[in-house]
Amino acid sequence: MKTNQQEELTQKAHTVYERLVDFFGLPEWRDPLPPIDELISTILSQNTNDRNRDIAFYALKEEFPTWEAVRDADPETVMDLIRPAGLANQKGPRLQAVLKQISAERGELSLDFLKDYSAAEAQAWLTRFKGVGPKTASIVLQFALDIPAFPVDTHVYRVTGRLGLRPDSMSADQAHEHLANLFEPEMYGPGHLNIIRLGREICKARKPLCDRCPLTDLCDYYQNLEN
């Protein structure tokens, strides 16, 4: 049973969701990828932007006919191809290690079996791999496997903190479950994407453009500025 405070936070989260849909529209995920592709793309996306992620991802796709070929390739070749995404010396070996471990455990490179798992079980299975944290796993679940999960990236973490939807002391990893409990599962994908857009375009890290924001009356950060 939810406390009054939890009920208020839930209502606030739903209002945030509705306001952002009114403001930005109902967003759609970029072209959906197969689960293995999404896993690789999301690993490459860590600590870089979408453009550099895509350059690295499609460099692998162009060089190798299959992900099995990437798995078995010379590590230096993989690292050179993904260098535009940054941290190639970490991401390359981790990527190949994940592909090898999935192959060893499942006998093939496929994550489709996770569709038969609960969200918690699928999340736990993916986060066993080095380099696959809650955010990466949640993106794969929500956008490639149609398993409800609320991904928390740096923008979502910052914006929800400023809005007061999570405690300041809460870590990004802890925020995944916390925010998932505030939003309805059907809100996860659009809510995640619209909060990211708000963070990129308006609620910026160094100098938020509060005069352009549709959420100032809901925002703890803004209310503190006014007082």
C-alpha atoms as a PDB file:
ATOM      1  CA  MET A   1       0.000   0.000   0.000  1.00  0.00           C
ATOM      2  CA  LYS A   2       1.380   3.405  -0.988  1.00  0.00           C
ATOM      3  CA  THR A   3       1.869   6.152   1.574  1.00  0.00           C
ATOM      4  CA  ASN A   4       0.462   9.644   1.007  1.00  0.00           C
ATOM      5  CA  GLN A   5       3.927  10.825  -0.037  1.00  0.00           C
ATOM      6  CA  GLN A   6       4.234   8.005  -2.576  1.00  0.00           C
ATOM      7  CA  GLU A   7       0.771   8.800  -3.916  1.00  0.00           C
ATOM      8  CA  GLU A   8       1.728  12.449  -4.327  1.00  0.00           C
ATOM      9  CA  LEU A   9       4.952  11.527  -6.127  1.00  0.00           C
ATOM     10  CA  THR A  10       3.081   9.148  -8.408  1.00  0.00           C
ATOM     11  CA  GLN A  11       0.555  11.851  -9.292  1.00  0.00           C
ATOM     12  CA  LYS A  12       3.384  14.305  -9.895  1.00  0.00           C
ATOM     13  CA  ALA A  13       5.152  11.819 -12.189  1.00  0.00           C
ATOM     14  CA  HIS A  14       1.959  11.280 -14.175  1.00  0.00           C
ATOM     15  CA  THR A  15       1.458  15.035 -14.508  1.00  0.00           C
ATOM     16  CA  VAL A  16       5.064  15.413 -15.707  1.00  0.00           C
ATOM     17  CA  TYR A  17       4.457  12.699 -18.275  1.00  0.00           C
ATOM     18  CA  GLU A  18       1.243  14.290 -19.567  1.00  0.00           C
ATOM     19  CA  ARG A  19       2.737  17.795 -19.706  1.00  0.00           C
ATOM     20  CA  LEU A  20       5.731  16.588 -21.704  1.00  0.00           C
ATOM     21  CA  VAL A  21       3.520  14.690 -24.151  1.00  0.00           C
ATOM     22  CA  ASP A  22       1.509  17.888 -24.622  1.00  0.00           C
ATOM     23  CA  PHE A  23       4.723  19.902 -25.040  1.00  0.00           C
ATOM     24  CA  PHE A  24       6.851  17.581 -27.196  1.00  0.00           C
ATOM     25  CA  GLY A  25       4.311  15.087 -28.516  1.00  0.00           C
ATOM     26  CA  LEU A  26       4.364  11.303 -28.174  1.00  0.00           C
ATOM     27  CA  PRO A  27       7.900  10.262 -29.128  1.00  0.00           C
ATOM     28  CA  GLU A  28       8.966   7.093 -30.878  1.00  0.00           C
ATOM     29  CA  TRP A  29      12.181   5.165 -30.368  1.00  0.00           C
ATOM     30  CA  ARG A  30      14.667   5.285 -33.229  1.00  0.00           C
ATOM     31  CA  ASP A  31      14.403   2.362 -35.653  1.00  0.00           C
ATOM     32  CA  PRO A  32      13.885  -0.704 -33.430  1.00  0.00           C
ATOM     33  CA  LEU A  33      16.802  -3.116 -33.444  1.00  0.00           C
ATOM     34  CA  PRO A  34      16.947  -6.841 -32.679  1.00  0.00           C
ATOM     35  CA  PRO A  35      17.834  -7.420 -28.994  1.00  0.00           C
ATOM     36  CA  ILE A  36      21.485  -8.388 -29.609  1.00  0.00           C
ATOM     37  CA  ASP A  37      21.942  -5.364 -31.870  1.00  0.00           C
ATOM     38  CA  GLU A  38      20.387  -3.113 -29.231  1.00  0.00           C
ATOM     39  CA  LEU A  39      22.668  -4.536 -26.565  1.00  0.00           C
ATOM     40  CA  ILE A  40      25.747  -3.842 -28.678  1.00  0.00           C
ATOM     41  CA  SER A  41      24.542  -0.375 -29.667  1.00  0.00           C
ATOM     42  CA  THR A  42      23.800   0.540 -26.059  1.00  0.00           C
ATOM     43  CA  ILE A  43      27.199  -0.667 -24.830  1.00  0.00           C
ATOM     44  CA  LEU A  44      28.779   1.506 -27.518  1.00  0.00           C
ATOM     45  CA  SER A  45      26.608   4.468 -26.456  1.00  0.00           C
ATOM     46  CA  GLN A  46      28.101   4.637 -22.970  1.00  0.00           C
ATOM     47  CA  ASN A  47      29.867   7.963 -22.344  1.00  0.00           C
ATOM     48  CA  THR A  48      29.361   9.221 -25.877  1.00  0.00           C
ATOM     49  CA  ASN A  49      26.677  10.783 -28.062  1.00  0.00           C
ATOM     50  CA  ASP A  50      24.237   9.113 -30.440  1.00  0.00           C
ATOM     51  CA  ARG A  51      26.167  10.118 -33.561  1.00  0.00           C
ATOM     52  CA  ASN A  52      29.449   8.565 -32.419  1.00  0.00           C
ATOM     53  CA  ARG A  53      27.620   5.468 -31.188  1.00  0.00           C
ATOM     54  CA  ASP A  54      26.053   4.985 -34.599  1.00  0.00           C
ATOM     55  CA  ILE A  55      29.352   5.487 -36.430  1.00  0.00           C
ATOM     56  CA  ALA A  56      30.928   2.725 -34.346  1.00  0.00           C
ATOM     57  CA  PHE A  57      27.915   0.427 -34.555  1.00  0.00           C
ATOM     58  CA  TYR A  58      27.602   0.604 -38.337  1.00  0.00           C
ATOM     59  CA  ALA A  59      31.362   0.279 -38.756  1.00  0.00           C
ATOM     60  CA  LEU A  60      31.062  -3.142 -37.114  1.00  0.00           C
ATOM     61  CA  LYS A  61      28.038  -4.021 -39.251  1.00  0.00           C
ATOM     62  CA  GLU A  62      29.866  -3.071 -42.448  1.00  0.00           C
ATOM     63  CA  GLU A  63      33.079  -4.895 -41.569  1.00  0.00           C
ATOM     64  CA  PHE A  64      31.568  -8.147 -40.281  1.00  0.00           C
ATOM     65  CA  PRO A  65      28.711 -10.220 -41.717  1.00  0.00           C
ATOM     66  CA  THR A  66      27.454 -11.437 -38.315  1.00  0.00           C
ATOM     67  CA  TRP A  67      27.840 -10.747 -34.609  1.00  0.00           C
ATOM     68  CA  GLU A  68      29.468 -14.167 -34.351  1.00  0.00           C
ATOM     69  CA  ALA A  69      32.207 -12.788 -36.597  1.00  0.00           C
ATOM     70  CA  VAL A  70      32.583  -9.776 -34.286  1.00  0.00           C
ATOM     71  CA  ARG A  71      32.748 -12.132 -31.308  1.00  0.00           C
ATOM     72  CA  ASP A  72      35.586 -14.114 -32.876  1.00  0.00           C
ATOM     73  CA  ALA A  73      37.440 -11.212 -34.512  1.00  0.00           C
ATOM     74  CA  ASP A  74      40.889  -9.903 -33.703  1.00  0.00           C
ATOM     75  CA  PRO A  75      40.404  -7.611 -30.673  1.00  0.00           C
ATOM     76  CA  GLU A  76      42.551  -4.867 -32.170  1.00  0.00           C
ATOM     77  CA  THR A  77      40.354  -4.753 -35.263  1.00  0.00           C
ATOM     78  CA  VAL A  78      37.215  -4.400 -33.156  1.00  0.00           C
ATOM     79  CA  MET A  79      38.771  -1.656 -31.031  1.00  0.00           C
ATOM     80  CA  ASP A  80      39.895   0.275 -34.128  1.00  0.00           C
ATOM     81  CA  LEU A  81      36.419   0.108 -35.660  1.00  0.00           C
ATOM     82  CA  ILE A  82      34.614   1.356 -32.558  1.00  0.00           C
ATOM     83  CA  ARG A  83      37.136   4.062 -31.659  1.00  0.00           C
ATOM     84  CA  PRO A  84      34.744   6.896 -32.658  1.00  0.00           C
ATOM     85  CA  ALA A  85      32.521   5.869 -29.726  1.00  0.00           C
ATOM     86  CA  GLY A  86      35.358   6.433 -27.264  1.00  0.00           C
ATOM     87  CA  LEU A  87      36.819   4.127 -24.597  1.00  0.00           C
ATOM     88  CA  ALA A  88      37.504   1.572 -27.339  1.00  0.00           C
ATOM     89  CA  ASN A  89      40.096  -0.258 -25.238  1.00  0.00           C
ATOM     90  CA  GLN A  90      37.369  -0.963 -22.660  1.00  0.00           C
ATOM     91  CA  LYS A  91      34.308  -1.334 -24.857  1.00  0.00           C
ATOM     92  CA  GLY A  92      35.924  -3.646 -27.416  1.00  0.00           C
ATOM     93  CA  PRO A  93      37.007  -6.396 -25.001  1.00  0.00           C
ATOM     94  CA  ARG A  94      33.782  -6.070 -22.980  1.00  0.00           C
ATOM     95  CA  LEU A  95      31.680  -6.336 -26.102  1.00  0.00           C
ATOM     96  CA  GLN A  96      33.456  -9.463 -27.279  1.00  0.00           C
ATOM     97  CA  ALA A  97      33.345 -10.972 -23.781  1.00  0.00           C
ATOM     98  CA  VAL A  98      29.570 -10.454 -23.579  1.00  0.00           C
ATOM     99  CA  LEU A  99      29.056 -12.067 -26.994  1.00  0.00           C
ATOM    100  CA  LYS A 100      31.254 -15.024 -26.014  1.00  0.00           C
ATOM    101  CA  GLN A 101      29.470 -15.539 -22.712  1.00  0.00           C
ATOM    102  CA  ILE A 102      26.002 -15.406 -24.287  1.00  0.00           C
ATOM    103  CA  SER A 103      27.134 -17.926 -26.914  1.00  0.00           C
ATOM    104  CA  ALA A 104      28.615 -20.215 -24.278  1.00  0.00           C
ATOM    105  CA  GLU A 105      25.514 -20.138 -22.080  1.00  0.00           C
ATOM    106  CA  ARG A 106      22.810 -20.184 -24.721  1.00  0.00           C
ATOM    107  CA  GLY A 107      24.458 -21.950 -27.656  1.00  0.00           C
ATOM    108  CA  GLU A 108      23.579 -19.015 -29.927  1.00  0.00           C
ATOM    109  CA  LEU A 109      23.665 -15.238 -30.056  1.00  0.00           C
ATOM    110  CA  SER A 110      20.056 -14.469 -29.237  1.00  0.00           C
ATOM    111  CA  LEU A 111      18.246 -12.775 -26.383  1.00  0.00           C
ATOM    112  CA  ASP A 112      14.744 -13.699 -27.526  1.00  0.00           C
ATOM    113  CA  PHE A 113      14.437 -16.218 -24.685  1.00  0.00           C
ATOM    114  CA  LEU A 114      14.259 -13.282 -22.250  1.00  0.00           C
ATOM    115  CA  LYS A 115      10.721 -12.582 -23.487  1.00  0.00           C
ATOM    116  CA  ASP A 116       9.656 -15.522 -21.315  1.00  0.00           C
ATOM    117  CA  TYR A 117      11.257 -13.950 -18.224  1.00  0.00           C
ATOM    118  CA  SER A 118       9.750 -11.445 -15.827  1.00  0.00           C
ATOM    119  CA  ALA A 119      11.166  -7.915 -16.015  1.00  0.00           C
ATOM    120  CA  ALA A 120      13.160  -8.496 -12.818  1.00  0.00           C
ATOM    121  CA  GLU A 121      14.534 -11.835 -14.031  1.00  0.00           C
ATOM    122  CA  ALA A 122      15.523 -10.415 -17.426  1.00  0.00           C
ATOM    123  CA  GLN A 123      17.183  -7.414 -15.798  1.00  0.00           C
ATOM    124  CA  ALA A 124      19.131  -9.664 -13.439  1.00  0.00           C
ATOM    125  CA  TRP A 125      20.241 -11.925 -16.292  1.00  0.00           C
ATOM    126  CA  LEU A 126      21.607  -9.058 -18.380  1.00  0.00           C
ATOM    127  CA  THR A 127      23.319  -7.157 -15.584  1.00  0.00           C
ATOM    128  CA  ARG A 128      25.520 -10.142 -14.762  1.00  0.00           C
ATOM    129  CA  PHE A 129      27.757  -9.125 -17.652  1.00  0.00           C
ATOM    130  CA  LYS A 130      30.628  -6.721 -17.073  1.00  0.00           C
ATOM    131  CA  GLY A 131      29.794  -3.455 -18.792  1.00  0.00           C
ATOM    132  CA  VAL A 132      26.026  -4.052 -18.733  1.00  0.00           C
ATOM    133  CA  GLY A 133      24.499  -1.938 -16.000  1.00  0.00           C
ATOM    134  CA  PRO A 134      20.852  -1.228 -15.186  1.00  0.00           C
ATOM    135  CA  LYS A 135      20.575   1.515 -17.835  1.00  0.00           C
ATOM    136  CA  THR A 136      21.906  -0.661 -20.660  1.00  0.00           C
ATOM    137  CA  ALA A 137      19.752  -3.609 -19.593  1.00  0.00           C
ATOM    138  CA  SER A 138      16.647  -1.427 -19.265  1.00  0.00           C
ATOM    139  CA  ILE A 139      17.055  -0.008 -22.768  1.00  0.00           C
ATOM    140  CA  VAL A 140      17.353  -3.510 -24.241  1.00  0.00           C
ATOM    141  CA  LEU A 141      14.307  -4.695 -22.298  1.00  0.00           C
ATOM    142  CA  GLN A 142      12.069  -1.700 -22.998  1.00  0.00           C
ATOM    143  CA  PHE A 143      12.935  -0.977 -26.604  1.00  0.00           C
ATOM    144  CA  ALA A 144      14.017  -4.331 -28.075  1.00  0.00           C
ATOM    145  CA  LEU A 145      12.199  -6.986 -26.056  1.00  0.00           C
ATOM    146  CA  ASP A 146       8.985  -5.146 -25.143  1.00  0.00           C
ATOM    147  CA  ILE A 147       9.593  -5.892 -21.462  1.00  0.00           C
ATOM    148  CA  PRO A 148       8.669  -2.884 -19.290  1.00  0.00           C
ATOM    149  CA  ALA A 149      11.697  -1.108 -17.825  1.00  0.00           C
ATOM    150  CA  PHE A 150      12.458   2.551 -17.097  1.00  0.00           C
ATOM    151  CA  PRO A 151      16.005   3.445 -18.225  1.00  0.00           C
ATOM    152  CA  VAL A 152      17.798   6.171 -16.281  1.00  0.00           C
ATOM    153  CA  ASP A 153      20.558   7.981 -18.141  1.00  0.00           C
ATOM    154  CA  THR A 154      22.354  11.149 -17.064  1.00  0.00           C
ATOM    155  CA  HIS A 155      19.569  13.418 -18.356  1.00  0.00           C
ATOM    156  CA  VAL A 156      16.768  11.427 -16.697  1.00  0.00           C
ATOM    157  CA  TYR A 157      18.740  11.329 -13.451  1.00  0.00           C
ATOM    158  CA  ARG A 158      19.365  15.085 -13.473  1.00  0.00           C
ATOM    159  CA  VAL A 159      15.846  16.135 -14.484  1.00  0.00           C
ATOM    160  CA  THR A 160      14.046  13.837 -12.043  1.00  0.00           C
ATOM    161  CA  GLY A 161      16.311  15.103  -9.277  1.00  0.00           C
ATOM    162  CA  ARG A 162      15.520  18.719 -10.045  1.00  0.00           C
ATOM    163  CA  LEU A 163      11.811  17.952 -10.245  1.00  0.00           C
ATOM    164  CA  GLY A 164      11.921  16.210  -6.879  1.00  0.00           C
ATOM    165  CA  LEU A 165      10.757  12.870  -8.263  1.00  0.00           C
ATOM    166  CA  ARG A 166      13.614  11.125  -6.477  1.00  0.00           C
ATOM    167  CA  PRO A 167      15.698  11.848  -3.360  1.00  0.00           C
ATOM    168  CA  ASP A 168      18.947  13.736  -3.987  1.00  0.00           C
ATOM    169  CA  SER A 169      20.848  10.966  -2.210  1.00  0.00           C
ATOM    170  CA  MET A 170      19.489   8.240  -4.505  1.00  0.00           C
ATOM    171  CA  SER A 171      22.006   6.763  -6.964  1.00  0.00           C
ATOM    172  CA  ALA A 172      21.285   6.396 -10.672  1.00  0.00           C
ATOM    173  CA  ASP A 173      21.158   2.613 -10.269  1.00  0.00           C
ATOM    174  CA  GLN A 174      18.602   2.893  -7.459  1.00  0.00           C
ATOM    175  CA  ALA A 175      16.541   5.374  -9.502  1.00  0.00           C
ATOM    176  CA  HIS A 176      15.580   2.746 -12.086  1.00  0.00           C
ATOM    177  CA  GLU A 177      13.270   0.849  -9.748  1.00  0.00           C
ATOM    178  CA  HIS A 178      12.136   3.983  -7.932  1.00  0.00           C
ATOM    179  CA  LEU A 179      10.994   5.752 -11.107  1.00  0.00           C
ATOM    180  CA  ALA A 180       9.496   2.569 -12.550  1.00  0.00           C
ATOM    181  CA  ASN A 181       7.230   2.502  -9.495  1.00  0.00           C
ATOM    182  CA  LEU A 182       6.065   6.078 -10.132  1.00  0.00           C
ATOM    183  CA  PHE A 183       5.146   5.733 -13.812  1.00  0.00           C
ATOM    184  CA  GLU A 184       2.822   3.229 -15.441  1.00  0.00           C
ATOM    185  CA  PRO A 185       4.514   0.641 -17.707  1.00  0.00           C
ATOM    186  CA  GLU A 186       2.943   2.155 -20.823  1.00  0.00           C
ATOM    187  CA  MET A 187       4.556   5.475 -19.860  1.00  0.00           C
ATOM    188  CA  TYR A 188       8.091   4.096 -19.582  1.00  0.00           C
ATOM    189  CA  GLY A 189       9.244   4.462 -23.191  1.00  0.00           C
ATOM    190  CA  PRO A 190       7.678   7.833 -24.058  1.00  0.00           C
ATOM    191  CA  GLY A 191       8.404   9.198 -20.585  1.00  0.00           C
ATOM    192  CA  HIS A 192      12.066   8.229 -20.794  1.00  0.00           C
ATOM    193  CA  LEU A 193      12.455   9.788 -24.256  1.00  0.00           C
ATOM    194  CA  ASN A 194      10.651  13.028 -23.413  1.00  0.00           C
ATOM    195  CA  ILE A 195      12.563  13.534 -20.161  1.00  0.00           C
ATOM    196  CA  ILE A 196      15.808  13.046 -22.103  1.00  0.00           C
ATOM    197  CA  ARG A 197      14.660  15.622 -24.653  1.00  0.00           C
ATOM    198  CA  LEU A 198      13.792  18.068 -21.876  1.00  0.00           C
ATOM    199  CA  GLY A 199      17.245  17.509 -20.366  1.00  0.00           C
ATOM    200  CA  ARG A 200      19.055  18.027 -23.656  1.00  0.00           C
ATOM    201  CA  GLU A 201      17.122  21.044 -24.905  1.00  0.00           C
ATOM    202  CA  ILE A 202      15.904  22.890 -21.806  1.00  0.00           C
ATOM    203  CA  CYS A 203      16.906  21.429 -18.417  1.00  0.00           C
ATOM    204  CA  LYS A 204      20.601  21.541 -19.248  1.00  0.00           C
ATOM    205  CA  ALA A 205      23.248  20.568 -16.729  1.00  0.00           C
ATOM    206  CA  ARG A 206      25.092  23.888 -16.429  1.00  0.00           C
ATOM    207  CA  LYS A 207      22.488  26.479 -17.355  1.00  0.00           C
ATOM    208  CA  PRO A 208      18.882  25.262 -17.420  1.00  0.00           C
ATOM    209  CA  LEU A 209      16.558  27.350 -19.582  1.00  0.00           C
ATOM    210  CA  CYS A 210      13.796  27.523 -16.999  1.00  0.00           C
ATOM    211  CA  ASP A 211      11.897  30.237 -18.876  1.00  0.00           C
ATOM    212  CA  ARG A 212      11.206  27.698 -21.651  1.00  0.00           C
ATOM    213  CA  CYS A 213      10.189  24.815 -19.390  1.00  0.00           C
ATOM    214  CA  PRO A 214       6.584  23.596 -19.101  1.00  0.00           C
ATOM    215  CA  LEU A 215       7.227  22.125 -15.652  1.00  0.00           C
ATOM    216  CA  THR A 216       8.357  25.073 -13.532  1.00  0.00           C
ATOM    217  CA  ASP A 217       5.331  24.882 -11.232  1.00  0.00           C
ATOM    218  CA  LEU A 218       6.211  21.237 -10.519  1.00  0.00           C
ATOM    219  CA  CYS A 219       9.964  21.734 -10.172  1.00  0.00           C
ATOM    220  CA  ASP A 220      11.665  21.810  -6.760  1.00  0.00           C
ATOM    221  CA  TYR A 221      14.822  23.299  -8.303  1.00  0.00           C
ATOM    222  CA  TYR A 222      12.889  26.195  -9.854  1.00  0.00           C
ATOM    223  CA  GLN A 223      10.864  26.839  -6.709  1.00  0.00           C
ATOM    224  CA  ASN A 224      14.108  27.120  -4.736  1.00  0.00           C
ATOM    225  CA  LEU A 225      15.435  29.650  -7.288  1.00  0.00           C
ATOM    226  CA  GLU A 226      12.323  31.751  -6.806  1.00  0.00           C
ATOM    227  CA  ASN A 227      12.688  31.703  -3.010  1.00  0.00           C
END
